[in-house]
C-alpha atoms as a PDB file:
ATOM      1  CA  MET A   1       5.306  20.158  -3.514  1.00  0.00           C
ATOM      2  CA  GLY A   2       6.154  18.204  -0.392  1.00  0.00           C
ATOM      3  CA  HIS A   3       9.568  17.491   1.065  1.00  0.00           C
ATOM      4  CA  ALA A   4       9.718  14.018  -0.523  1.00  0.00           C
ATOM      5  CA  ASP A   5      10.476  15.512  -3.965  1.00  0.00           C
ATOM      6  CA  LEU A   6      13.472  17.544  -2.752  1.00  0.00           C
ATOM      7  CA  PRO A   7      16.976  16.236  -3.459  1.00  0.00           C
ATOM      8  CA  GLY A   8      19.100  15.134  -0.547  1.00  0.00           C
ATOM      9  CA  ALA A   9      19.169  12.443   2.072  1.00  0.00           C
ATOM     10  CA  PRO A  10      16.350   9.867   2.380  1.00  0.00           C
ATOM     11  CA  ARG A  11      13.537  10.822   4.734  1.00  0.00           C
ATOM     12  CA  LEU A  12      11.442   8.663   7.021  1.00  0.00           C
ATOM     13  CA  ILE A  13       7.756   8.656   6.078  1.00  0.00           C
ATOM     14  CA  LEU A  14       5.399   6.509   8.128  1.00  0.00           C
ATOM     15  CA  LEU A  15       2.788   4.463   6.253  1.00  0.00           C
ATOM     16  CA  GLY A  16      -0.042   5.971   8.296  1.00  0.00           C
ATOM     17  CA  ASP A  17       1.065   9.468   7.245  1.00  0.00           C
ATOM     18  CA  VAL A  18       1.110   8.431   3.571  1.00  0.00           C
ATOM     19  CA  GLU A  19      -2.338   6.824   3.867  1.00  0.00           C
ATOM     20  CA  SER A  20      -3.760   9.903   5.573  1.00  0.00           C
ATOM     21  CA  ALA A  21      -2.327  12.279   2.953  1.00  0.00           C
ATOM     22  CA  LEU A  22      -3.619  10.140   0.074  1.00  0.00           C
ATOM     23  CA  PHE A  23      -7.053   9.813   1.662  1.00  0.00           C
ATOM     24  CA  ASP A  24      -7.285  13.588   2.154  1.00  0.00           C
ATOM     25  CA  ALA A  25      -6.114  14.227  -1.424  1.00  0.00           C
ATOM     26  CA  VAL A  26      -8.551  11.872  -3.188  1.00  0.00           C
ATOM     27  CA  THR A  27     -11.761  12.069  -1.145  1.00  0.00           C
ATOM     28  CA  PRO A  28     -13.042  15.206  -2.948  1.00  0.00           C
ATOM     29  CA  TRP A  29     -13.184  13.312  -6.281  1.00  0.00           C
ATOM     30  CA  ALA A  30     -12.888   9.562  -5.566  1.00  0.00           C
ATOM     31  CA  GLU A  31     -15.205   7.106  -3.862  1.00  0.00           C
ATOM     32  CA  ILE A  32     -13.539   5.247  -0.977  1.00  0.00           C
ATOM     33  CA  ARG A  33     -14.926   1.750  -0.293  1.00  0.00           C
ATOM     34  CA  SER A  34     -13.625   0.252   2.934  1.00  0.00           C
ATOM     35  CA  THR A  35     -15.780  -2.913   3.011  1.00  0.00           C
ATOM     36  CA  THR A  36     -15.299  -3.870  -0.642  1.00  0.00           C
ATOM     37  CA  THR A  37     -12.919  -6.549  -1.943  1.00  0.00           C
ATOM     38  CA  PRO A  38     -12.206  -7.522  -5.567  1.00  0.00           C
ATOM     39  CA  VAL A  39     -13.027 -11.183  -6.331  1.00  0.00           C
ATOM     40  CA  SER A  40     -12.192 -11.226 -10.071  1.00  0.00           C
ATOM     41  CA  ILE A  41     -10.454  -8.996 -12.609  1.00  0.00           C
ATOM     42  CA  GLY A  42     -10.916  -9.227 -16.368  1.00  0.00           C
ATOM     43  CA  GLU A  43      -8.816  -7.152 -18.763  1.00  0.00           C
ATOM     44  CA  HIS A  44     -10.359  -5.913 -22.005  1.00  0.00           C
ATOM     45  CA  ALA A  45      -9.010  -3.690 -24.795  1.00  0.00           C
ATOM     46  CA  GLU A  46     -10.645  -0.522 -23.478  1.00  0.00           C
ATOM     47  CA  SER A  47     -11.246  -1.234 -19.781  1.00  0.00           C
ATOM     48  CA  VAL A  48     -10.983  -3.609 -16.851  1.00  0.00           C
ATOM     49  CA  VAL A  49     -14.035  -5.392 -15.435  1.00  0.00           C
ATOM     50  CA  VAL A  50     -13.780  -6.046 -11.710  1.00  0.00           C
ATOM     51  CA  THR A  51     -16.238  -8.077  -9.677  1.00  0.00           C
ATOM     52  CA  LEU A  52     -16.422  -6.539  -6.217  1.00  0.00           C
ATOM     53  CA  ARG A  53     -17.752  -8.128  -3.043  1.00  0.00           C
ATOM     54  CA  THR A  54     -19.163  -5.711  -0.486  1.00  0.00           C
ATOM     55  CA  THR A  55     -19.887  -6.839   3.044  1.00  0.00           C
ATOM     56  CA  THR A  56     -23.326  -5.691   4.165  1.00  0.00           C
ATOM     57  CA  PRO A  57     -25.395  -6.428   7.289  1.00  0.00           C
ATOM     58  CA  ALA A  58     -27.493  -8.800   5.120  1.00  0.00           C
ATOM     59  CA  GLY A  59     -24.348 -10.627   3.929  1.00  0.00           C
ATOM     60  CA  PRO A  60     -21.945 -10.280   1.008  1.00  0.00           C
ATOM     61  CA  ALA A  61     -23.163  -8.698  -2.242  1.00  0.00           C
ATOM     62  CA  ASP A  62     -21.254  -8.993  -5.545  1.00  0.00           C
ATOM     63  CA  VAL A  63     -21.391  -6.498  -8.403  1.00  0.00           C
ATOM     64  CA  SER A  64     -19.245  -6.134 -11.554  1.00  0.00           C
ATOM     65  CA  GLU A  65     -18.007  -2.693 -12.559  1.00  0.00           C
ATOM     66  CA  ARG A  66     -15.908  -1.358 -15.432  1.00  0.00           C
ATOM     67  CA  PHE A  67     -12.792   0.755 -14.771  1.00  0.00           C
ATOM     68  CA  ASP A  68     -10.114   2.465 -16.852  1.00  0.00           C
ATOM     69  CA  LEU A  69      -7.400   1.567 -14.336  1.00  0.00           C
ATOM     70  CA  VAL A  70      -7.045  -0.804 -11.396  1.00  0.00           C
ATOM     71  CA  VAL A  71      -4.317  -0.145  -8.842  1.00  0.00           C
ATOM     72  CA  GLY A  72      -3.505  -2.700  -6.163  1.00  0.00           C
ATOM     73  CA  ALA A  73      -1.622  -0.908  -3.436  1.00  0.00           C
ATOM     74  CA  ASN A  74      -2.073  -3.041  -0.372  1.00  0.00           C
ATOM     75  CA  GLY A  75       1.166  -4.982  -0.253  1.00  0.00           C
ATOM     76  CA  LEU A  76       2.913  -8.107  -1.482  1.00  0.00           C
ATOM     77  CA  ARG A  77       0.035 -10.363  -0.560  1.00  0.00           C
ATOM     78  CA  SER A  78      -2.661  -8.117  -2.015  1.00  0.00           C
ATOM     79  CA  THR A  79      -5.830  -9.499  -3.504  1.00  0.00           C
ATOM     80  CA  VAL A  80      -5.379  -7.430  -6.690  1.00  0.00           C
ATOM     81  CA  ARG A  81      -1.858  -8.816  -7.157  1.00  0.00           C
ATOM     82  CA  ARG A  82      -3.095 -12.405  -6.679  1.00  0.00           C
ATOM     83  CA  LEU A  83      -6.045 -11.958  -9.047  1.00  0.00           C
ATOM     84  CA  HIS A  84      -3.854 -10.474 -11.782  1.00  0.00           C
ATOM     85  CA  PHE A  85      -0.636 -12.504 -11.479  1.00  0.00           C
ATOM     86  CA  GLY A  86      -1.780 -15.700  -9.759  1.00  0.00           C
ATOM     87  CA  PRO A  87      -0.881 -17.366  -6.461  1.00  0.00           C
ATOM     88  CA  ARG A  88       1.941 -15.650  -4.612  1.00  0.00           C
ATOM     89  CA  GLU A  89       3.904 -18.923  -4.527  1.00  0.00           C
ATOM     90  CA  ASP A  90       4.314 -18.551  -8.308  1.00  0.00           C
ATOM     91  CA  PHE A  91       6.035 -15.145  -8.197  1.00  0.00           C
ATOM     92  CA  LEU A  92       6.909 -14.125  -4.633  1.00  0.00           C
ATOM     93  CA  LEU A  93      10.453 -15.101  -3.646  1.00  0.00           C
ATOM     94  CA  PRO A  94      11.605 -14.961  -0.015  1.00  0.00           C
ATOM     95  CA  PHE A  95      14.521 -12.669   0.791  1.00  0.00           C
ATOM     96  CA  ARG A  96      14.903 -14.224   4.260  1.00  0.00           C
ATOM     97  CA  HIS A  97      14.940 -10.911   6.094  1.00  0.00           C
ATOM     98  CA  MET A  98      12.718  -8.870   8.380  1.00  0.00           C
ATOM     99  CA  ILE A  99      12.027  -5.173   8.499  1.00  0.00           C
ATOM    100  CA  GLY A 100      10.661  -3.413  11.553  1.00  0.00           C
ATOM    101  CA  ALA A 101       9.887   0.224  12.243  1.00  0.00           C
ATOM    102  CA  THR A 102       9.151   2.017  15.468  1.00  0.00           C
ATOM    103  CA  ILE A 103       8.668   5.471  16.877  1.00  0.00           C
ATOM    104  CA  LEU A 104      11.063   6.171  19.746  1.00  0.00           C
ATOM    105  CA  ARG A 105       9.915   7.833  22.957  1.00  0.00           C
ATOM    106  CA  ARG A 106      12.654  10.432  22.718  1.00  0.00           C
ATOM    107  CA  PRO A 107      15.151  11.493  20.040  1.00  0.00           C
ATOM    108  CA  VAL A 108      18.464   9.696  19.729  1.00  0.00           C
ATOM    109  CA  THR A 109      21.385  11.964  20.612  1.00  0.00           C
ATOM    110  CA  GLY A 110      22.378  13.896  17.512  1.00  0.00           C
ATOM    111  CA  PHE A 111      19.014  13.393  15.761  1.00  0.00           C
ATOM    112  CA  GLY A 112      15.929  15.599  15.904  1.00  0.00           C
ATOM    113  CA  ALA A 113      12.440  14.402  16.902  1.00  0.00           C
ATOM    114  CA  GLY A 114      11.354  14.201  13.231  1.00  0.00           C
ATOM    115  CA  ASP A 115      14.531  12.537  11.907  1.00  0.00           C
ATOM    116  CA  GLY A 116      14.761   8.939  10.794  1.00  0.00           C
ATOM    117  CA  PHE A 117      17.951   6.906  10.633  1.00  0.00           C
ATOM    118  CA  VAL A 118      19.304   3.501   9.660  1.00  0.00           C
ATOM    119  CA  LEU A 119      22.320   1.872  11.278  1.00  0.00           C
ATOM    120  CA  ALA A 120      23.891  -0.395   8.657  1.00  0.00           C
ATOM    121  CA  GLU A 121      26.974  -2.573   8.550  1.00  0.00           C
ATOM    122  CA  PRO A 122      27.958  -5.537   6.363  1.00  0.00           C
ATOM    123  CA  GLY A 123      25.556  -8.420   6.973  1.00  0.00           C
ATOM    124  CA  ARG A 124      23.189  -6.545   9.296  1.00  0.00           C
ATOM    125  CA  SER A 125      21.340  -3.305   9.850  1.00  0.00           C
ATOM    126  CA  ALA A 126      19.094  -1.726  12.462  1.00  0.00           C
END
């Protein structure tokens, strides 16, 4: 198992690293479609029917396929989330905050090159 399942302090994991690890783990047995977008999702007792639009040089092409499971993992404004739950205005509430992440050119004194940290105080954090 990886370090993320060990008890202890939180660890910084960059999204690109997670995407790369997932891609490497699933490509031997899963088809990856980078130019395909769901345009409708229909739930049934035994499966989910998804209409997919694939961008081709000749233009978009739609096809419906049946799946056991649909996972939408591309964020708060994802197409899968919108198709299943409805417009984001109906369920997405603003928290009125921003989150930013960066990789520093050199370690901060007291922290190693692979360490992550959060500076937090009441009402603000960095």
